[in-house]
Amino acid sequence: MQPTNLGSSTLECDRFSTLAHVVNVYHLALIYSSSTKGRVLAYFDMLFFVGPTATGWIMVGCLTAMIWTSLDKNKKKNFERFWYTHHLFIVFFINWQFHGMFCMIKVSASWIF
């Protein structure tokens, strides 16, 4: 059995999640406007400047930097970069909290904890 690299699998999940979100934003932009220009403007506006997607891109950047520097070749070449880059987890988790605060999906009133 071959060992797996946790960083590589995390990066693949990150790519899949990002692609799924980009496709969802595309579908929202189609609903938002009837003109092509309006759809394109809505797509780029929702993709980069709306709260959940803006925090999502920051999280993707932090996670990619942490994974890239944790690869054995990069870590052995410059351990300090690996060490300090992994402090981006603070930025990642702060944005993770804001990412969920926007509540695009509303909780059903009938659901009680």
C-alpha atoms as a PDB file:
ATOM      1  CA  MET A   1       0.000   0.000   0.000  1.00  0.00           C
ATOM      2  CA  GLN A   2       1.421   3.354  -1.028  1.00  0.00           C
ATOM      3  CA  PRO A   3       1.289   6.238   1.457  1.00  0.00           C
ATOM      4  CA  THR A   4      -0.829   9.215   0.487  1.00  0.00           C
ATOM      5  CA  ASN A   5       0.188  12.831   0.667  1.00  0.00           C
ATOM      6  CA  LEU A   6      -2.341  14.693   2.787  1.00  0.00           C
ATOM      7  CA  GLY A   7      -1.429  18.010   1.168  1.00  0.00           C
ATOM      8  CA  SER A   8      -2.089  16.714  -2.339  1.00  0.00           C
ATOM      9  CA  SER A   9      -5.463  15.266  -1.432  1.00  0.00           C
ATOM     10  CA  THR A  10      -6.422  18.484   0.367  1.00  0.00           C
ATOM     11  CA  LEU A  11      -5.444  20.501  -2.691  1.00  0.00           C
ATOM     12  CA  GLU A  12      -7.565  18.256  -4.940  1.00  0.00           C
ATOM     13  CA  CYS A  13     -10.592  18.713  -2.654  1.00  0.00           C
ATOM     14  CA  ASP A  14      -9.933  22.460  -2.656  1.00  0.00           C
ATOM     15  CA  ARG A  15      -9.883  22.518  -6.465  1.00  0.00           C
ATOM     16  CA  PHE A  16     -13.123  20.519  -6.689  1.00  0.00           C
ATOM     17  CA  SER A  17     -14.881  22.769  -4.171  1.00  0.00           C
ATOM     18  CA  THR A  18     -13.701  25.926  -5.961  1.00  0.00           C
ATOM     19  CA  LEU A  19     -14.864  24.586  -9.328  1.00  0.00           C
ATOM     20  CA  ALA A  20     -18.273  23.725  -7.868  1.00  0.00           C
ATOM     21  CA  HIS A  21     -18.632  27.237  -6.441  1.00  0.00           C
ATOM     22  CA  VAL A  22     -17.603  28.843  -9.743  1.00  0.00           C
ATOM     23  CA  VAL A  23     -20.244  26.789 -11.570  1.00  0.00           C
ATOM     24  CA  ASN A  24     -22.878  27.811  -9.005  1.00  0.00           C
ATOM     25  CA  VAL A  25     -21.986  31.481  -9.487  1.00  0.00           C
ATOM     26  CA  TYR A  26     -22.320  30.978 -13.260  1.00  0.00           C
ATOM     27  CA  HIS A  27     -25.852  29.613 -12.807  1.00  0.00           C
ATOM     28  CA  LEU A  28     -26.761  32.491 -10.496  1.00  0.00           C
ATOM     29  CA  ALA A  29     -25.480  34.987 -13.094  1.00  0.00           C
ATOM     30  CA  LEU A  30     -27.709  33.369 -15.750  1.00  0.00           C
ATOM     31  CA  ILE A  31     -30.741  33.925 -13.536  1.00  0.00           C
ATOM     32  CA  TYR A  32     -29.703  37.449 -12.527  1.00  0.00           C
ATOM     33  CA  SER A  33     -29.921  39.164 -15.925  1.00  0.00           C
ATOM     34  CA  SER A  34     -31.419  38.601 -19.358  1.00  0.00           C
ATOM     35  CA  SER A  35     -28.752  40.444 -21.378  1.00  0.00           C
ATOM     36  CA  THR A  36     -25.332  38.997 -22.109  1.00  0.00           C
ATOM     37  CA  LYS A  37     -23.534  42.067 -20.804  1.00  0.00           C
ATOM     38  CA  GLY A  38     -25.555  41.973 -17.583  1.00  0.00           C
ATOM     39  CA  ARG A  39     -24.788  38.292 -17.101  1.00  0.00           C
ATOM     40  CA  VAL A  40     -21.044  38.794 -17.612  1.00  0.00           C
ATOM     41  CA  LEU A  41     -20.970  41.750 -15.215  1.00  0.00           C
ATOM     42  CA  ALA A  42     -23.051  39.851 -12.664  1.00  0.00           C
ATOM     43  CA  TYR A  43     -20.803  36.787 -12.987  1.00  0.00           C
ATOM     44  CA  PHE A  44     -17.570  38.666 -12.297  1.00  0.00           C
ATOM     45  CA  ASP A  45     -19.201  40.765  -9.591  1.00  0.00           C
ATOM     46  CA  MET A  46     -20.503  37.684  -7.778  1.00  0.00           C
ATOM     47  CA  LEU A  47     -17.284  35.741  -8.386  1.00  0.00           C
ATOM     48  CA  PHE A  48     -14.912  38.251  -6.779  1.00  0.00           C
ATOM     49  CA  PHE A  49     -16.745  40.988  -4.875  1.00  0.00           C
ATOM     50  CA  VAL A  50     -19.554  39.254  -2.953  1.00  0.00           C
ATOM     51  CA  GLY A  51     -18.756  38.314   0.651  1.00  0.00           C
ATOM     52  CA  PRO A  52     -18.694  34.506   0.416  1.00  0.00           C
ATOM     53  CA  THR A  53     -16.657  34.408  -2.783  1.00  0.00           C
ATOM     54  CA  ALA A  54     -14.209  37.110  -1.655  1.00  0.00           C
ATOM     55  CA  THR A  55     -13.477  35.231   1.571  1.00  0.00           C
ATOM     56  CA  GLY A  56     -13.367  31.988  -0.402  1.00  0.00           C
ATOM     57  CA  TRP A  57     -10.613  33.268  -2.690  1.00  0.00           C
ATOM     58  CA  ILE A  58      -8.596  34.418   0.338  1.00  0.00           C
ATOM     59  CA  MET A  59      -8.992  30.953   1.861  1.00  0.00           C
ATOM     60  CA  VAL A  60      -7.932  29.281  -1.403  1.00  0.00           C
ATOM     61  CA  GLY A  61      -4.817  31.472  -1.543  1.00  0.00           C
ATOM     62  CA  CYS A  62      -3.862  30.709   2.057  1.00  0.00           C
ATOM     63  CA  LEU A  63      -4.459  26.979   1.688  1.00  0.00           C
ATOM     64  CA  THR A  64      -2.552  26.778  -1.585  1.00  0.00           C
ATOM     65  CA  ALA A  65       0.436  28.613  -0.077  1.00  0.00           C
ATOM     66  CA  MET A  66       0.440  26.332   2.971  1.00  0.00           C
ATOM     67  CA  ILE A  67       0.209  23.176   0.876  1.00  0.00           C
ATOM     68  CA  TRP A  68       2.836  24.341  -1.628  1.00  0.00           C
ATOM     69  CA  THR A  69       5.378  25.075   1.087  1.00  0.00           C
ATOM     70  CA  SER A  70       4.634  21.795   2.878  1.00  0.00           C
ATOM     71  CA  LEU A  71       5.744  19.661  -0.060  1.00  0.00           C
ATOM     72  CA  ASP A  72       8.972  17.853   0.895  1.00  0.00           C
ATOM     73  CA  LYS A  73      11.083  19.464  -1.811  1.00  0.00           C
ATOM     74  CA  ASN A  74       9.989  22.992  -0.892  1.00  0.00           C
ATOM     75  CA  LYS A  75      10.086  22.375   2.851  1.00  0.00           C
ATOM     76  CA  LYS A  76      13.650  21.043   2.762  1.00  0.00           C
ATOM     77  CA  LYS A  77      14.818  23.901   0.546  1.00  0.00           C
ATOM     78  CA  ASN A  78      13.486  26.661   2.808  1.00  0.00           C
ATOM     79  CA  PHE A  79      12.086  25.550   6.157  1.00  0.00           C
ATOM     80  CA  GLU A  80      11.510  29.108   7.377  1.00  0.00           C
ATOM     81  CA  ARG A  81       9.143  29.769   4.468  1.00  0.00           C
ATOM     82  CA  PHE A  82       7.242  26.596   5.411  1.00  0.00           C
ATOM     83  CA  TRP A  83       7.105  27.658   9.075  1.00  0.00           C
ATOM     84  CA  TYR A  84       5.921  31.218   8.520  1.00  0.00           C
ATOM     85  CA  THR A  85       3.530  30.349   5.700  1.00  0.00           C
ATOM     86  CA  HIS A  86       1.729  27.919   7.978  1.00  0.00           C
ATOM     87  CA  HIS A  87       0.819  30.841  10.222  1.00  0.00           C
ATOM     88  CA  LEU A  88      -1.647  31.747   7.460  1.00  0.00           C
ATOM     89  CA  PHE A  89      -3.978  29.262   9.142  1.00  0.00           C
ATOM     90  CA  ILE A  90      -5.059  32.198  11.325  1.00  0.00           C
ATOM     91  CA  VAL A  91      -6.118  34.190   8.238  1.00  0.00           C
ATOM     92  CA  PHE A  92      -7.711  31.025   6.824  1.00  0.00           C
ATOM     93  CA  PHE A  93      -9.881  30.352   9.886  1.00  0.00           C
ATOM     94  CA  ILE A  94     -10.918  33.987  10.325  1.00  0.00           C
ATOM     95  CA  ASN A  95     -12.088  34.045   6.709  1.00  0.00           C
ATOM     96  CA  TRP A  96     -13.729  30.652   7.211  1.00  0.00           C
ATOM     97  CA  GLN A  97     -15.893  32.198   9.922  1.00  0.00           C
ATOM     98  CA  PHE A  98     -16.835  35.168   7.728  1.00  0.00           C
ATOM     99  CA  HIS A  99     -17.412  32.794   4.794  1.00  0.00           C
ATOM    100  CA  GLY A 100     -20.188  31.071   6.725  1.00  0.00           C
ATOM    101  CA  MET A 101     -21.653  34.219   8.262  1.00  0.00           C
ATOM    102  CA  PHE A 102     -23.260  35.405   5.045  1.00  0.00           C
ATOM    103  CA  CYS A 103     -26.000  32.726   5.323  1.00  0.00           C
ATOM    104  CA  MET A 104     -26.875  32.285   1.663  1.00  0.00           C
ATOM    105  CA  ILE A 105     -28.763  29.119   2.637  1.00  0.00           C
ATOM    106  CA  LYS A 106     -31.390  29.848   5.264  1.00  0.00           C
ATOM    107  CA  VAL A 107     -32.105  27.345   8.027  1.00  0.00           C
ATOM    108  CA  SER A 108     -35.613  25.959   8.072  1.00  0.00           C
ATOM    109  CA  ALA A 109     -37.754  27.308  10.937  1.00  0.00           C
ATOM    110  CA  SER A 110     -39.102  23.814  11.636  1.00  0.00           C
ATOM    111  CA  TRP A 111     -35.634  22.470  12.388  1.00  0.00           C
ATOM    112  CA  ILE A 112     -34.853  22.676  16.095  1.00  0.00           C
ATOM    113  CA  PHE A 113     -31.609  21.549  17.685  1.00  0.00           C
END
